[in-house]
């Protein structure tokens, strides 16, 4: 099933990650769910892993509870190996609670693992990240 064109794969992967950023920024739950593999797992900082219905409810609660403004996003490295790919990233957000309260600026660095689906599309299979007290430096 592997595509032999690494640049086309990279462009498709970055498009999925752009869809993730757009869904988060718009608070679009359905768009976010659409890019997740059926068995996606997230490993948020200081929480147990989230998968399946628990992951989707957790994401829904987050997107319903805050407004996210992207401040910075950096693609550090994107590598395709057959039907899997990894993407190292760093980003900063301004998160404002919808119920009121002061916005907070958050900085992250992390890893996406994507998997090519049977139809040839890429979906987010794993996301692992941690927070930083200041803007995440790129290696």
Protein backbone atom coordinates (compact mmCIF):
# COMPACT_ATOMS: atom_id res chain seq x y z
CA UNK A 1 0.00 0.00 0.00
CA UNK A 2 3.01 2.31 0.43
CA UNK A 3 3.25 5.32 -1.88
CA UNK A 4 6.61 5.62 -3.62
CA UNK A 5 6.56 9.44 -3.78
CA UNK A 6 7.97 10.81 -0.48
CA UNK A 7 7.25 14.46 -1.39
CA UNK A 8 3.60 13.67 -2.17
CA UNK A 9 3.34 11.77 1.13
CA UNK A 10 4.90 14.68 3.02
CA UNK A 11 2.48 17.14 1.40
CA UNK A 12 -0.48 14.91 2.33
CA UNK A 13 0.77 14.56 5.91
CA UNK A 14 1.22 18.28 6.34
CA UNK A 15 -2.29 18.80 4.91
CA UNK A 16 -3.70 16.51 7.63
CA UNK A 17 -1.81 18.49 10.27
CA UNK A 18 -3.09 21.74 8.78
CA UNK A 19 -6.61 20.26 9.08
CA UNK A 20 -5.90 19.49 12.73
CA UNK A 21 -4.78 23.07 13.37
CA UNK A 22 -7.80 24.48 11.52
CA UNK A 23 -10.22 22.23 13.44
CA UNK A 24 -8.70 23.28 16.77
CA UNK A 25 -8.72 26.96 15.82
CA UNK A 26 -12.34 26.79 14.63
CA UNK A 27 -13.50 24.56 17.48
CA UNK A 28 -14.77 22.16 14.81
CA UNK A 29 -15.24 18.83 16.57
CA UNK A 30 -16.43 16.93 13.47
CA UNK A 31 -13.42 18.09 11.44
CA UNK A 32 -11.10 16.98 14.24
CA UNK A 33 -12.72 13.55 14.50
CA UNK A 34 -12.41 13.15 10.70
CA UNK A 35 -8.59 13.18 10.81
CA UNK A 36 -8.31 10.62 13.62
CA UNK A 37 -7.62 6.95 12.95
CA UNK A 38 -10.32 4.73 14.46
CA UNK A 39 -7.82 3.49 17.05
CA UNK A 40 -6.12 6.86 17.69
CA UNK A 41 -4.38 7.35 21.03
CA UNK A 42 -3.37 10.67 22.60
CA UNK A 43 -0.87 10.91 25.42
CA UNK A 44 -1.46 14.33 27.04
CA UNK A 45 0.93 15.65 29.67
CA UNK A 46 0.19 14.59 33.25
CA UNK A 47 -2.85 12.50 32.25
CA UNK A 48 -3.39 8.86 31.35
CA UNK A 49 -3.55 7.98 27.63
CA UNK A 50 -6.85 8.74 25.88
CA UNK A 51 -8.29 6.40 23.23
CA UNK A 52 -11.59 5.49 21.59
CA UNK A 53 -14.75 7.16 22.89
CA UNK A 54 -12.85 8.56 25.88
CA UNK A 55 -10.45 10.39 23.52
CA UNK A 56 -13.27 11.81 21.44
CA UNK A 57 -15.21 13.00 24.54
CA UNK A 58 -12.03 14.54 25.97
CA UNK A 59 -11.37 16.42 22.71
CA UNK A 60 -15.03 17.49 22.51
CA UNK A 61 -14.91 18.86 26.08
CA UNK A 62 -11.73 20.76 25.31
CA UNK A 63 -12.99 22.31 22.06
CA UNK A 64 -16.36 23.18 23.60
CA UNK A 65 -14.71 24.80 26.62
CA UNK A 66 -12.09 27.08 25.08
CA UNK A 67 -11.23 29.19 22.08
CA UNK A 68 -7.75 28.54 20.68
CA UNK A 69 -5.73 31.10 18.77
CA UNK A 70 -2.59 29.74 17.14
CA UNK A 71 0.41 31.96 17.82
CA UNK A 72 3.18 29.85 16.31
CA UNK A 73 3.53 26.43 14.76
CA UNK A 74 6.77 24.84 13.60
CA UNK A 75 7.19 21.64 11.61
CA UNK A 76 10.51 20.37 12.96
CA UNK A 77 10.78 17.07 11.10
CA UNK A 78 8.49 14.86 9.01
CA UNK A 79 9.59 11.35 8.03
CA UNK A 80 7.66 8.71 6.09
CA UNK A 81 8.52 5.03 6.50
CA UNK A 82 6.19 2.86 4.43
CA UNK A 83 2.64 3.33 5.70
CA UNK A 84 3.70 5.17 8.86
CA UNK A 85 5.07 8.64 9.39
CA UNK A 86 6.21 10.74 12.28
CA UNK A 87 6.10 14.49 12.63
CA UNK A 88 7.96 16.43 15.30
CA UNK A 89 6.41 19.82 16.09
CA UNK A 90 6.51 22.84 18.37
CA UNK A 91 3.67 25.32 18.83
CA UNK A 92 2.21 28.08 20.95
CA UNK A 93 -1.48 28.86 21.58
CA UNK A 94 -3.54 31.48 23.34
CA UNK A 95 -6.38 29.62 25.05
CA UNK A 96 -9.40 31.56 26.29
CA UNK A 97 -12.10 29.87 28.39
CA UNK A 98 -15.52 30.29 26.76
CA UNK A 99 -17.12 30.58 30.21
CA UNK A 100 -14.96 33.62 30.94
CA UNK A 101 -11.59 34.11 32.48
CA UNK A 102 -8.16 35.23 31.47
CA UNK A 103 -6.53 33.79 28.37
CA UNK A 104 -3.39 31.72 28.86
CA UNK A 105 -0.51 31.30 26.47
CA UNK A 106 0.63 27.68 26.26
CA UNK A 107 3.73 26.28 24.58
CA UNK A 108 4.08 22.65 23.42
CA UNK A 109 6.48 20.33 21.69
CA UNK A 110 5.55 16.87 20.59
CA UNK A 111 5.21 14.03 18.15
CA UNK A 112 2.46 12.99 15.76
CA UNK A 113 2.42 9.46 14.36
CA UNK A 114 0.27 9.06 11.28
CA UNK A 115 -0.79 5.89 9.49
CA UNK A 116 -1.79 5.47 5.86
CA UNK A 117 -5.33 4.08 5.65
CA UNK A 118 -6.53 1.43 3.20
CA UNK A 119 -7.95 4.17 0.94
CA UNK A 120 -4.50 5.84 0.78
CA UNK A 121 -5.34 8.78 3.05
CA UNK A 122 -3.32 9.59 6.16
CA UNK A 123 -4.88 9.74 9.63
CA UNK A 124 -3.54 10.73 13.01
CA UNK A 125 -2.83 7.54 14.99
CA UNK A 126 -0.84 8.84 17.99
CA UNK A 127 -0.19 12.26 19.44
CA UNK A 128 2.26 12.75 22.28
CA UNK A 129 3.25 16.16 23.65
CA UNK A 130 4.43 18.07 26.65
CA UNK A 131 4.17 21.65 27.72
CA UNK A 132 7.03 24.11 28.08
CA UNK A 133 7.23 27.14 30.36
CA UNK A 134 8.41 29.23 27.37
CA UNK A 135 8.18 28.96 23.61
CA UNK A 136 9.36 25.49 22.62
CA UNK A 137 12.80 25.52 21.08
CA UNK A 138 13.32 23.41 18.01
CA UNK A 139 16.23 20.97 18.06
